[in-house]
Amino acid sequence: MSSKMKIEYLKKEDKEAEIMLNNLTIAEILRVYLNKDDNVDFAAWRREHPTKDPVLKIKTGKDRNVDKAVEMAANQIEQEADSFVKDFKKSVK
């Protein structure tokens, strides 16, 4: 059974965005990877209440727009997850 990720832009500009995600774990992972990018000035999530979805706020510098920063972070996460799965499968054989 798979559930679809809900992503809603509350604010979207070239260098700044607020994105509501229905998954706190994904919001945290994105925050970590976005903050590794020297062209991201700020990335953090907040939640108004534990029953509410987290909102990820991102601000980028002059050399990167928000869409590109999120795309690059997602690609890095995907590469590391693929590597983990590959290594895990090798270890259980």
C-alpha atoms as a PDB file:
ATOM      1  CA  MET A   1       0.000   0.000   0.000  1.00  0.00           C
ATOM      2  CA  SER A   2       1.510   3.302  -1.024  1.00  0.00           C
ATOM      3  CA  SER A   3       0.392   6.739  -0.016  1.00  0.00           C
ATOM      4  CA  LYS A   4       0.865   9.761  -2.191  1.00  0.00           C
ATOM      5  CA  MET A   5       3.054  12.573  -0.927  1.00  0.00           C
ATOM      6  CA  LYS A   6       1.161  15.829  -0.579  1.00  0.00           C
ATOM      7  CA  ILE A   7       3.189  18.906  -1.524  1.00  0.00           C
ATOM      8  CA  GLU A   8       1.604  22.347  -1.444  1.00  0.00           C
ATOM      9  CA  TYR A   9       3.416  25.608  -2.113  1.00  0.00           C
ATOM     10  CA  LEU A  10       2.184  28.270   0.293  1.00  0.00           C
ATOM     11  CA  LYS A  11       4.676  30.783  -1.087  1.00  0.00           C
ATOM     12  CA  LYS A  12       6.754  30.436  -4.228  1.00  0.00           C
ATOM     13  CA  GLU A  13       9.253  32.950  -5.495  1.00  0.00           C
ATOM     14  CA  ASP A  14      12.527  32.487  -7.327  1.00  0.00           C
ATOM     15  CA  LYS A  15      14.710  32.700  -4.200  1.00  0.00           C
ATOM     16  CA  GLU A  16      12.224  31.929  -1.428  1.00  0.00           C
ATOM     17  CA  ALA A  17       9.498  29.341  -0.868  1.00  0.00           C
ATOM     18  CA  GLU A  18       7.299  27.811   1.801  1.00  0.00           C
ATOM     19  CA  ILE A  19       6.227  24.254   1.090  1.00  0.00           C
ATOM     20  CA  MET A  20       3.714  22.270   3.133  1.00  0.00           C
ATOM     21  CA  LEU A  21       4.526  18.556   3.160  1.00  0.00           C
ATOM     22  CA  ASN A  22       2.409  15.801   4.687  1.00  0.00           C
ATOM     23  CA  ASN A  23       5.500  13.954   5.907  1.00  0.00           C
ATOM     24  CA  LEU A  24       7.680  15.260   8.730  1.00  0.00           C
ATOM     25  CA  THR A  25      10.499  12.826   7.939  1.00  0.00           C
ATOM     26  CA  ILE A  26      10.766  14.085   4.345  1.00  0.00           C
ATOM     27  CA  ALA A  27      10.690  17.702   5.554  1.00  0.00           C
ATOM     28  CA  GLU A  28      13.597  16.979   7.927  1.00  0.00           C
ATOM     29  CA  ILE A  29      15.645  15.076   5.346  1.00  0.00           C
ATOM     30  CA  LEU A  30      15.166  17.871   2.800  1.00  0.00           C
ATOM     31  CA  ARG A  31      16.146  20.448   5.427  1.00  0.00           C
ATOM     32  CA  VAL A  32      19.382  18.595   6.154  1.00  0.00           C
ATOM     33  CA  TYR A  33      20.353  18.226   2.489  1.00  0.00           C
ATOM     34  CA  LEU A  34      19.341  21.786   1.582  1.00  0.00           C
ATOM     35  CA  ASN A  35      21.538  23.124   4.379  1.00  0.00           C
ATOM     36  CA  LYS A  36      24.521  21.234   2.920  1.00  0.00           C
ATOM     37  CA  ASP A  37      24.216  23.419  -0.207  1.00  0.00           C
ATOM     38  CA  ASP A  38      26.390  26.547  -0.003  1.00  0.00           C
ATOM     39  CA  ASN A  39      23.881  28.335  -2.250  1.00  0.00           C
ATOM     40  CA  VAL A  40      21.043  27.848   0.234  1.00  0.00           C
ATOM     41  CA  ASP A  41      20.938  30.644   2.785  1.00  0.00           C
ATOM     42  CA  PHE A  42      18.205  29.139   4.971  1.00  0.00           C
ATOM     43  CA  ALA A  43      16.192  25.930   5.198  1.00  0.00           C
ATOM     44  CA  ALA A  44      14.039  25.010   8.173  1.00  0.00           C
ATOM     45  CA  TRP A  45      10.653  23.544   8.886  1.00  0.00           C
ATOM     46  CA  ARG A  46       8.032  24.527  11.404  1.00  0.00           C
ATOM     47  CA  ARG A  47       4.762  23.093  12.577  1.00  0.00           C
ATOM     48  CA  GLU A  48       2.050  25.182  14.196  1.00  0.00           C
ATOM     49  CA  HIS A  49       0.774  22.140  16.097  1.00  0.00           C
ATOM     50  CA  PRO A  50       1.708  18.430  16.231  1.00  0.00           C
ATOM     51  CA  THR A  51      -1.500  17.609  14.347  1.00  0.00           C
ATOM     52  CA  LYS A  52      -0.610  19.986  11.493  1.00  0.00           C
ATOM     53  CA  ASP A  53       1.630  19.300   8.501  1.00  0.00           C
ATOM     54  CA  PRO A  54       5.148  20.780   8.584  1.00  0.00           C
ATOM     55  CA  VAL A  55       6.012  23.776   6.419  1.00  0.00           C
ATOM     56  CA  LEU A  56       9.514  23.867   4.953  1.00  0.00           C
ATOM     57  CA  LYS A  57      10.874  27.378   4.399  1.00  0.00           C
ATOM     58  CA  ILE A  58      13.741  27.805   1.956  1.00  0.00           C
ATOM     59  CA  LYS A  59      15.781  30.871   0.992  1.00  0.00           C
ATOM     60  CA  THR A  60      18.510  30.647  -1.618  1.00  0.00           C
ATOM     61  CA  GLY A  61      21.386  32.883  -2.588  1.00  0.00           C
ATOM     62  CA  LYS A  62      21.975  34.667  -5.840  1.00  0.00           C
ATOM     63  CA  ASP A  63      23.468  31.629  -7.603  1.00  0.00           C
ATOM     64  CA  ARG A  64      20.546  29.212  -7.153  1.00  0.00           C
ATOM     65  CA  ASN A  65      16.765  29.328  -7.286  1.00  0.00           C
ATOM     66  CA  VAL A  66      14.555  27.343  -4.924  1.00  0.00           C
ATOM     67  CA  ASP A  67      13.414  24.819  -7.544  1.00  0.00           C
ATOM     68  CA  LYS A  68      16.988  23.933  -8.481  1.00  0.00           C
ATOM     69  CA  ALA A  69      18.043  23.683  -4.825  1.00  0.00           C
ATOM     70  CA  VAL A  70      15.184  21.281  -4.010  1.00  0.00           C
ATOM     71  CA  GLU A  71      15.862  19.263  -7.164  1.00  0.00           C
ATOM     72  CA  MET A  72      19.548  18.927  -6.297  1.00  0.00           C
ATOM     73  CA  ALA A  73      18.775  17.930  -2.692  1.00  0.00           C
ATOM     74  CA  ALA A  74      16.221  15.350  -3.865  1.00  0.00           C
ATOM     75  CA  ASN A  75      18.751  13.900  -6.327  1.00  0.00           C
ATOM     76  CA  GLN A  76      21.358  13.561  -3.574  1.00  0.00           C
ATOM     77  CA  ILE A  77      18.831  11.871  -1.280  1.00  0.00           C
ATOM     78  CA  GLU A  78      17.840   9.478  -4.064  1.00  0.00           C
ATOM     79  CA  GLN A  79      21.473   8.583  -4.817  1.00  0.00           C
ATOM     80  CA  GLU A  80      22.255   7.876  -1.166  1.00  0.00           C
ATOM     81  CA  ALA A  81      19.056   5.858  -0.693  1.00  0.00           C
ATOM     82  CA  ASP A  82      19.838   3.783  -3.807  1.00  0.00           C
ATOM     83  CA  SER A  83      23.360   3.170  -2.525  1.00  0.00           C
ATOM     84  CA  PHE A  84      22.008   2.119   0.862  1.00  0.00           C
ATOM     85  CA  VAL A  85      19.542  -0.333  -0.702  1.00  0.00           C
ATOM     86  CA  LYS A  86      22.273  -1.803  -2.908  1.00  0.00           C
ATOM     87  CA  ASP A  87      24.661  -2.212   0.045  1.00  0.00           C
ATOM     88  CA  PHE A  88      21.906  -3.664   2.205  1.00  0.00           C
ATOM     89  CA  LYS A  89      20.959  -6.258  -0.417  1.00  0.00           C
ATOM     90  CA  LYS A  90      24.616  -7.308  -0.685  1.00  0.00           C
ATOM     91  CA  SER A  91      24.884  -7.723   3.081  1.00  0.00           C
ATOM     92  CA  VAL A  92      21.888 -10.047   3.403  1.00  0.00           C
ATOM     93  CA  LYS A  93      22.903 -12.475   0.660  1.00  0.00           C
END
